[in-house]
Structure formats: C-alpha cells, structure tokens
Amino acid sequence: MSEFQATVNATEYPPHQKHKVIFETFDSLKPGEAMLLINDHDPQPLRYQFELERSGIFSWEYIERGPETFRIHIGRVGA
C-alpha cells in the first residue's frame, strides 16, 4: 500500500483550478494520512497559503526539489 492516500499532479490542471484541487484533496484526508503533490516549479506560494488557511493541521516535506520536478509530501496532522 502506498504511503499516500492521494496524488495531485498540478501540471495536469489549468492555473485557476490548481489550488482548489489541492485543497479539496487535502481536506479529504484523515489525520495521519498524506498526499503527494507533483509540480513543475517550487510551490512556495502554496505553502504560504497552507500556513494561512490550514495552520497547525498540515506537514510539508520535500521529496524532490527540482529543478524540473518538485514532489512534496503533504500530511494531515492532528487528532
């Protein structure tokens, strides 16, 4: 079984849908579960958005940091 309950390849979505899909996927996770985010650039603005909107309930760990592909483990933390 994969360590990820979901994978979002952000390169497959138009710009106006990317964050919506990522947050919907994250919100569907249960505490202790994780998703894999794949992107073609460092999604640092997305991390800032997570810090503002999901503070204290997510973890963020780079698995691969470019230069062409970024893979991030985003976990749902909390009880």
PDB file of N, CA and C in Angstrom:
ATOM      1  N   MET A   1       0.840  -1.184   0.000  1.00  0.00           N
ATOM      2  CA  MET A   1       0.000   0.000   0.000  1.00  0.00           C
ATOM      3  C   MET A   1       0.887   1.251   0.000  1.00  0.00           C
ATOM      4  N   SER A   2       0.475   2.253  -0.730  1.00  0.00           N
ATOM      5  CA  SER A   2       1.230   3.491  -0.836  1.00  0.00           C
ATOM      6  C   SER A   2       1.132   4.288   0.458  1.00  0.00           C
ATOM      7  N   GLU A   3       2.153   5.090   0.728  1.00  0.00           N
ATOM      8  CA  GLU A   3       2.092   5.970   1.892  1.00  0.00           C
ATOM      9  C   GLU A   3       1.194   7.170   1.630  1.00  0.00           C
ATOM     10  N   PHE A   4       0.742   7.310   0.385  1.00  0.00           N
ATOM     11  CA  PHE A   4      -0.102   8.441   0.006  1.00  0.00           C
ATOM     12  C   PHE A   4      -1.525   7.981  -0.279  1.00  0.00           C
ATOM     13  N   GLN A   5      -2.493   8.677   0.290  1.00  0.00           N
ATOM     14  CA  GLN A   5      -3.885   8.366   0.019  1.00  0.00           C
ATOM     15  C   GLN A   5      -4.334   9.000  -1.289  1.00  0.00           C
ATOM     16  N   ALA A   6      -3.600  10.018  -1.743  1.00  0.00           N
ATOM     17  CA  ALA A   6      -3.953  10.698  -2.987  1.00  0.00           C
ATOM     18  C   ALA A   6      -2.706  11.328  -3.592  1.00  0.00           C
ATOM     19  N   THR A   7      -2.746  11.508  -4.895  1.00  0.00           N
ATOM     20  CA  THR A   7      -1.689  12.198  -5.617  1.00  0.00           C
ATOM     21  C   THR A   7      -2.326  13.278  -6.473  1.00  0.00           C
ATOM     22  N   VAL A   8      -1.762  14.472  -6.402  1.00  0.00           N
ATOM     23  CA  VAL A   8      -2.200  15.558  -7.279  1.00  0.00           C
ATOM     24  C   VAL A   8      -1.004  15.972  -8.114  1.00  0.00           C
ATOM     25  N   ASN A   9      -1.136  15.789  -9.414  1.00  0.00           N
ATOM     26  CA  ASN A   9      -0.125  16.274 -10.343  1.00  0.00           C
ATOM     27  C   ASN A   9      -0.627  17.624 -10.840  1.00  0.00           C
ATOM     28  N   ALA A  10      -0.118  18.686 -10.246  1.00  0.00           N
ATOM     29  CA  ALA A  10      -0.619  20.031 -10.527  1.00  0.00           C
ATOM     30  C   ALA A  10      -0.413  20.440 -11.980  1.00  0.00           C
ATOM     31  N   THR A  11       0.522  19.806 -12.661  1.00  0.00           N
ATOM     32  CA  THR A  11       0.765  20.159 -14.059  1.00  0.00           C
ATOM     33  C   THR A  11      -0.397  19.762 -14.963  1.00  0.00           C
ATOM     34  N   GLU A  12      -1.302  18.931 -14.465  1.00  0.00           N
ATOM     35  CA  GLU A  12      -2.427  18.455 -15.273  1.00  0.00           C
ATOM     36  C   GLU A  12      -3.643  19.375 -15.202  1.00  0.00           C
ATOM     37  N   TYR A  13      -3.572  20.432 -14.396  1.00  0.00           N
ATOM     38  CA  TYR A  13      -4.721  21.317 -14.187  1.00  0.00           C
ATOM     39  C   TYR A  13      -4.432  22.723 -14.696  1.00  0.00           C
ATOM     40  N   PRO A  14      -5.470  23.403 -15.168  1.00  0.00           N
ATOM     41  CA  PRO A  14      -5.271  24.808 -15.536  1.00  0.00           C
ATOM     42  C   PRO A  14      -4.965  25.633 -14.291  1.00  0.00           C
ATOM     43  N   PRO A  15      -4.251  26.743 -14.455  1.00  0.00           N
ATOM     44  CA  PRO A  15      -3.821  27.540 -13.291  1.00  0.00           C
ATOM     45  C   PRO A  15      -4.939  27.894 -12.319  1.00  0.00           C
ATOM     46  N   HIS A  16      -6.103  28.246 -12.805  1.00  0.00           N
ATOM     47  CA  HIS A  16      -7.181  28.674 -11.909  1.00  0.00           C
ATOM     48  C   HIS A  16      -7.793  27.534 -11.105  1.00  0.00           C
ATOM     49  N   GLN A  17      -7.457  26.278 -11.416  1.00  0.00           N
ATOM     50  CA  GLN A  17      -8.011  25.133 -10.683  1.00  0.00           C
ATOM     51  C   GLN A  17      -7.017  24.462  -9.744  1.00  0.00           C
ATOM     52  N   LYS A  18      -5.735  24.752  -9.908  1.00  0.00           N
ATOM     53  CA  LYS A  18      -4.702  24.014  -9.170  1.00  0.00           C
ATOM     54  C   LYS A  18      -4.900  24.064  -7.653  1.00  0.00           C
ATOM     55  N   HIS A  19      -4.962  25.246  -7.075  1.00  0.00           N
ATOM     56  CA  HIS A  19      -5.059  25.349  -5.614  1.00  0.00           C
ATOM     57  C   HIS A  19      -6.379  24.770  -5.116  1.00  0.00           C
ATOM     58  N   LYS A  20      -7.452  24.959  -5.863  1.00  0.00           N
ATOM     59  CA  LYS A  20      -8.753  24.403  -5.479  1.00  0.00           C
ATOM     60  C   LYS A  20      -8.669  22.878  -5.371  1.00  0.00           C
ATOM     61  N   VAL A  21      -8.099  22.243  -6.374  1.00  0.00           N
ATOM     62  CA  VAL A  21      -7.978  20.784  -6.371  1.00  0.00           C
ATOM     63  C   VAL A  21      -7.069  20.329  -5.236  1.00  0.00           C
ATOM     64  N   ILE A  22      -5.961  21.018  -5.035  1.00  0.00           N
ATOM     65  CA  ILE A  22      -5.020  20.631  -3.982  1.00  0.00           C
ATOM     66  C   ILE A  22      -5.681  20.732  -2.609  1.00  0.00           C
ATOM     67  N   PHE A  23      -6.379  21.831  -2.335  1.00  0.00           N
ATOM     68  CA  PHE A  23      -7.020  21.987  -1.025  1.00  0.00           C
ATOM     69  C   PHE A  23      -8.185  21.024  -0.845  1.00  0.00           C
ATOM     70  N   GLU A  24      -8.946  20.754  -1.886  1.00  0.00           N
ATOM     71  CA  GLU A  24     -10.027  19.766  -1.774  1.00  0.00           C
ATOM     72  C   GLU A  24      -9.463  18.388  -1.468  1.00  0.00           C
ATOM     73  N   THR A  25      -8.356  18.053  -2.120  1.00  0.00           N
ATOM     74  CA  THR A  25      -7.723  16.757  -1.862  1.00  0.00           C
ATOM     75  C   THR A  25      -7.210  16.698  -0.433  1.00  0.00           C
ATOM     76  N   PHE A  26      -6.522  17.748   0.003  1.00  0.00           N
ATOM     77  CA  PHE A  26      -6.021  17.784   1.380  1.00  0.00           C
ATOM     78  C   PHE A  26      -7.169  17.665   2.380  1.00  0.00           C
ATOM     79  N   ASP A  27      -8.246  18.404   2.148  1.00  0.00           N
ATOM     80  CA  ASP A  27      -9.377  18.398   3.085  1.00  0.00           C
ATOM     81  C   ASP A  27     -10.064  17.041   3.171  1.00  0.00           C
ATOM     82  N   SER A  28      -9.878  16.191   2.162  1.00  0.00           N
ATOM     83  CA  SER A  28     -10.478  14.852   2.194  1.00  0.00           C
ATOM     84  C   SER A  28      -9.642  13.868   3.007  1.00  0.00           C
ATOM     85  N   LEU A  29      -8.415  14.271   3.375  1.00  0.00           N
ATOM     86  CA  LEU A  29      -7.547  13.377   4.153  1.00  0.00           C
ATOM     87  C   LEU A  29      -7.995  13.316   5.601  1.00  0.00           C
ATOM     88  N   LYS A  30      -7.774  12.157   6.209  1.00  0.00           N
ATOM     89  CA  LYS A  30      -7.993  11.990   7.645  1.00  0.00           C
ATOM     90  C   LYS A  30      -6.665  12.264   8.350  1.00  0.00           C
ATOM     91  N   PRO A  31      -6.707  12.633   9.624  1.00  0.00           N
ATOM     92  CA  PRO A  31      -5.453  12.809  10.366  1.00  0.00           C
ATOM     93  C   PRO A  31      -4.567  11.568  10.238  1.00  0.00           C
ATOM     94  N   GLY A  32      -3.310  11.799   9.982  1.00  0.00           N
ATOM     95  CA  GLY A  32      -2.355  10.706   9.807  1.00  0.00           C
ATOM     96  C   GLY A  32      -2.168  10.297   8.350  1.00  0.00           C
ATOM     97  N   GLU A  33      -3.032  10.766   7.465  1.00  0.00           N
ATOM     98  CA  GLU A  33      -2.911  10.448   6.052  1.00  0.00           C
ATOM     99  C   GLU A  33      -2.107  11.537   5.341  1.00  0.00           C
ATOM    100  N   ALA A  34      -1.689  11.221   4.107  1.00  0.00           N
ATOM    101  CA  ALA A  34      -0.870  12.168   3.354  1.00  0.00           C
ATOM    102  C   ALA A  34      -1.202  12.111   1.872  1.00  0.00           C
ATOM    103  N   MET A  35      -0.848  13.199   1.213  1.00  0.00           N
ATOM    104  CA  MET A  35      -0.988  13.266  -0.235  1.00  0.00           C
ATOM    105  C   MET A  35       0.370  13.595  -0.839  1.00  0.00           C
ATOM    106  N   LEU A  36       0.517  13.268  -2.104  1.00  0.00           N
ATOM    107  CA  LEU A  36       1.721  13.608  -2.850  1.00  0.00           C
ATOM    108  C   LEU A  36       1.349  14.700  -3.836  1.00  0.00           C
ATOM    109  N   LEU A  37       2.084  15.801  -3.797  1.00  0.00           N
ATOM    110  CA  LEU A  37       1.904  16.882  -4.751  1.00  0.00           C
ATOM    111  C   LEU A  37       3.087  16.866  -5.712  1.00  0.00           C
ATOM    112  N   ILE A  38       2.780  16.865  -6.997  1.00  0.00           N
ATOM    113  CA  ILE A  38       3.803  16.918  -8.036  1.00  0.00           C
ATOM    114  C   ILE A  38       3.615  18.228  -8.779  1.00  0.00           C
ATOM    115  N   ASN A  39       4.717  18.962  -8.983  1.00  0.00           N
ATOM    116  CA  ASN A  39       4.632  20.249  -9.658  1.00  0.00           C
ATOM    117  C   ASN A  39       5.896  20.480 -10.483  1.00  0.00           C
ATOM    118  N   ASP A  40       5.827  21.436 -11.401  1.00  0.00           N
ATOM    119  CA  ASP A  40       6.974  21.729 -12.254  1.00  0.00           C
ATOM    120  C   ASP A  40       7.768  22.945 -11.779  1.00  0.00           C
ATOM    121  N   HIS A  41       7.398  23.487 -10.629  1.00  0.00           N
ATOM    122  CA  HIS A  41       8.139  24.587 -10.003  1.00  0.00           C
ATOM    123  C   HIS A  41       7.928  24.489  -8.493  1.00  0.00           C
ATOM    124  N   ASP A  42       8.756  25.200  -7.752  1.00  0.00           N
ATOM    125  CA  ASP A  42       8.642  25.171  -6.299  1.00  0.00           C
ATOM    126  C   ASP A  42       7.337  25.863  -5.878  1.00  0.00           C
ATOM    127  N   PRO A  43       6.416  25.147  -5.241  1.00  0.00           N
ATOM    128  CA  PRO A  43       5.121  25.729  -4.891  1.00  0.00           C
ATOM    129  C   PRO A  43       5.133  26.487  -3.562  1.00  0.00           C
ATOM    130  N   GLN A  44       6.137  27.313  -3.366  1.00  0.00           N
ATOM    131  CA  GLN A  44       6.268  28.058  -2.115  1.00  0.00           C
ATOM    132  C   GLN A  44       5.039  28.941  -1.820  1.00  0.00           C
ATOM    133  N   PRO A  45       4.442  29.633  -2.811  1.00  0.00           N
ATOM    134  CA  PRO A  45       3.226  30.396  -2.505  1.00  0.00           C
ATOM    135  C   PRO A  45       2.086  29.517  -1.968  1.00  0.00           C
ATOM    136  N   LEU A  46       2.017  28.289  -2.453  1.00  0.00           N
ATOM    137  CA  LEU A  46       1.014  27.356  -1.946  1.00  0.00           C
ATOM    138  C   LEU A  46       1.286  27.035  -0.474  1.00  0.00           C
ATOM    139  N   ARG A  47       2.542  26.866  -0.133  1.00  0.00           N
ATOM    140  CA  ARG A  47       2.878  26.597   1.271  1.00  0.00           C
ATOM    141  C   ARG A  47       2.447  27.764   2.158  1.00  0.00           C
ATOM    142  N   TYR A  48       2.668  28.985   1.702  1.00  0.00           N
ATOM    143  CA  TYR A  48       2.220  30.156   2.474  1.00  0.00           C
ATOM    144  C   TYR A  48       0.704  30.145   2.635  1.00  0.00           C
ATOM    145  N   GLN A  49       0.000  29.740   1.587  1.00  0.00           N
ATOM    146  CA  GLN A  49      -1.451  29.659   1.667  1.00  0.00           C
ATOM    147  C   GLN A  49      -1.874  28.584   2.675  1.00  0.00           C
ATOM    148  N   PHE A  50      -1.186  27.447   2.680  1.00  0.00           N
ATOM    149  CA  PHE A  50      -1.461  26.412   3.684  1.00  0.00           C
ATOM    150  C   PHE A  50      -1.234  26.972   5.085  1.00  0.00           C
ATOM    151  N   GLU A  51      -0.155  27.716   5.277  1.00  0.00           N
ATOM    152  CA  GLU A  51       0.147  28.269   6.604  1.00  0.00           C
ATOM    153  C   GLU A  51      -0.946  29.234   7.061  1.00  0.00           C
ATOM    154  N   LEU A  52      -1.518  29.973   6.132  1.00  0.00           N
ATOM    155  CA  LEU A  52      -2.597  30.902   6.475  1.00  0.00           C
ATOM    156  C   LEU A  52      -3.932  30.194   6.706  1.00  0.00           C
ATOM    157  N   GLU A  53      -4.265  29.244   5.845  1.00  0.00           N
ATOM    158  CA  GLU A  53      -5.601  28.658   5.851  1.00  0.00           C
ATOM    159  C   GLU A  53      -5.719  27.318   6.574  1.00  0.00           C
ATOM    160  N   ARG A  54      -4.599  26.615   6.768  1.00  0.00           N
ATOM    161  CA  ARG A  54      -4.639  25.293   7.409  1.00  0.00           C
ATOM    162  C   ARG A  54      -3.564  25.197   8.498  1.00  0.00           C
ATOM    163  N   SER A  55      -3.286  26.309   9.138  1.00  0.00           N
ATOM    164  CA  SER A  55      -2.229  26.374  10.143  1.00  0.00           C
ATOM    165  C   SER A  55      -2.422  25.308  11.224  1.00  0.00           C
ATOM    166  N   GLY A  56      -1.347  24.590  11.507  1.00  0.00           N
ATOM    167  CA  GLY A  56      -1.369  23.608  12.585  1.00  0.00           C
ATOM    168  C   GLY A  56      -1.932  22.246  12.218  1.00  0.00           C
ATOM    169  N   ILE A  57      -2.439  22.081  10.992  1.00  0.00           N
ATOM    170  CA  ILE A  57      -3.019  20.776  10.647  1.00  0.00           C
ATOM    171  C   ILE A  57      -2.350  20.124   9.444  1.00  0.00           C
ATOM    172  N   PHE A  58      -1.211  20.675   9.012  1.00  0.00           N
ATOM    173  CA  PHE A  58      -0.529  20.075   7.868  1.00  0.00           C
ATOM    174  C   PHE A  58       0.966  19.971   8.132  1.00  0.00           C
ATOM    175  N   SER A  59       1.581  19.019   7.451  1.00  0.00           N
ATOM    176  CA  SER A  59       3.038  18.923   7.412  1.00  0.00           C
ATOM    177  C   SER A  59       3.455  19.022   5.948  1.00  0.00           C
ATOM    178  N   TRP A  60       4.664  19.495   5.718  1.00  0.00           N
ATOM    179  CA  TRP A  60       5.157  19.763   4.356  1.00  0.00           C
ATOM    180  C   TRP A  60       6.586  19.275   4.289  1.00  0.00           C
ATOM    181  N   GLU A  61       6.848  18.308   3.433  1.00  0.00           N
ATOM    182  CA  GLU A  61       8.203  17.775   3.312  1.00  0.00           C
ATOM    183  C   GLU A  61       8.535  17.554   1.844  1.00  0.00           C
ATOM    184  N   TYR A  62       9.610  18.184   1.407  1.00  0.00           N
ATOM    185  CA  TYR A  62      10.061  17.987   0.034  1.00  0.00           C
ATOM    186  C   TYR A  62      10.649  16.587  -0.110  1.00  0.00           C
ATOM    187  N   ILE A  63      10.237  15.895  -1.157  1.00  0.00           N
ATOM    188  CA  ILE A  63      10.820  14.606  -1.515  1.00  0.00           C
ATOM    189  C   ILE A  63      11.827  14.822  -2.644  1.00  0.00           C
ATOM    190  N   GLU A  64      11.456  15.706  -3.563  1.00  0.00           N
ATOM    191  CA  GLU A  64      12.319  16.061  -4.690  1.00  0.00           C
ATOM    192  C   GLU A  64      12.197  17.565  -4.903  1.00  0.00           C
ATOM    193  N   ARG A  65      13.332  18.235  -5.030  1.00  0.00           N
ATOM    194  CA  ARG A  65      13.349  19.704  -5.148  1.00  0.00           C
ATOM    195  C   ARG A  65      13.943  20.159  -6.464  1.00  0.00           C
ATOM    196  N   GLY A  66      13.307  19.780  -7.554  1.00  0.00           N
ATOM    197  CA  GLY A  66      13.675  20.273  -8.872  1.00  0.00           C
ATOM    198  C   GLY A  66      14.998  19.762  -9.386  1.00  0.00           C
ATOM    199  N   PRO A  67      15.476  20.384 -10.442  1.00  0.00           N
ATOM    200  CA  PRO A  67      14.976  21.651 -10.974  1.00  0.00           C
ATOM    201  C   PRO A  67      13.728  21.528 -11.846  1.00  0.00           C
ATOM    202  N   GLU A  68      13.446  20.340 -12.373  1.00  0.00           N
ATOM    203  CA  GLU A  68      12.293  20.206 -13.267  1.00  0.00           C
ATOM    204  C   GLU A  68      11.047  19.680 -12.565  1.00  0.00           C
ATOM    205  N   THR A  69      11.221  18.840 -11.586  1.00  0.00           N
ATOM    206  CA  THR A  69      10.088  18.246 -10.886  1.00  0.00           C
ATOM    207  C   THR A  69      10.227  18.470  -9.390  1.00  0.00           C
ATOM    208  N   PHE A  70       9.131  18.891  -8.804  1.00  0.00           N
ATOM    209  CA  PHE A  70       9.049  19.051  -7.352  1.00  0.00           C
ATOM    210  C   PHE A  70       8.001  18.072  -6.856  1.00  0.00           C
ATOM    211  N   ARG A  71       8.378  17.276  -5.854  1.00  0.00           N
ATOM    212  CA  ARG A  71       7.451  16.324  -5.234  1.00  0.00           C
ATOM    213  C   ARG A  71       7.421  16.631  -3.753  1.00  0.00           C
ATOM    214  N   ILE A  72       6.197  16.851  -3.230  1.00  0.00           N
ATOM    215  CA  ILE A  72       6.044  17.249  -1.841  1.00  0.00           C
ATOM    216  C   ILE A  72       5.059  16.320  -1.135  1.00  0.00           C
ATOM    217  N   HIS A  73       5.480  15.842   0.021  1.00  0.00           N
ATOM    218  CA  HIS A  73       4.635  15.046   0.909  1.00  0.00           C
ATOM    219  C   HIS A  73       3.891  16.033   1.797  1.00  0.00           C
ATOM    220  N   ILE A  74       2.563  16.074   1.654  1.00  0.00           N
ATOM    221  CA  ILE A  74       1.733  16.967   2.476  1.00  0.00           C
ATOM    222  C   ILE A  74       0.866  16.079   3.355  1.00  0.00           C
ATOM    223  N   GLY A  75       1.091  16.151   4.649  1.00  0.00           N
ATOM    224  CA  GLY A  75       0.367  15.308   5.585  1.00  0.00           C
ATOM    225  C   GLY A  75      -0.695  16.064   6.350  1.00  0.00           C
ATOM    226  N   ARG A  76      -1.705  15.325   6.771  1.00  0.00           N
ATOM    227  CA  ARG A  76      -2.752  15.881   7.631  1.00  0.00           C
ATOM    228  C   ARG A  76      -2.400  15.462   9.049  1.00  0.00           C
ATOM    229  N   VAL A  77      -2.187  16.436   9.920  1.00  0.00           N
ATOM    230  CA  VAL A  77      -1.824  16.138  11.309  1.00  0.00           C
ATOM    231  C   VAL A  77      -2.973  16.522  12.225  1.00  0.00           C
ATOM    232  N   GLY A  78      -2.908  16.054  13.439  1.00  0.00           N
ATOM    233  CA  GLY A  78      -3.940  16.379  14.408  1.00  0.00           C
ATOM    234  C   GLY A  78      -4.745  15.169  14.783  1.00  0.00           C
ATOM    235  N   ALA A  79      -5.620  15.373  15.753  1.00  0.00           N
ATOM    236  CA  ALA A  79      -6.449  14.268  16.260  1.00  0.00           C
ATOM    237  C   ALA A  79      -7.647  14.031  15.409  1.00  0.00           C
TER     238      ALA A  79
END
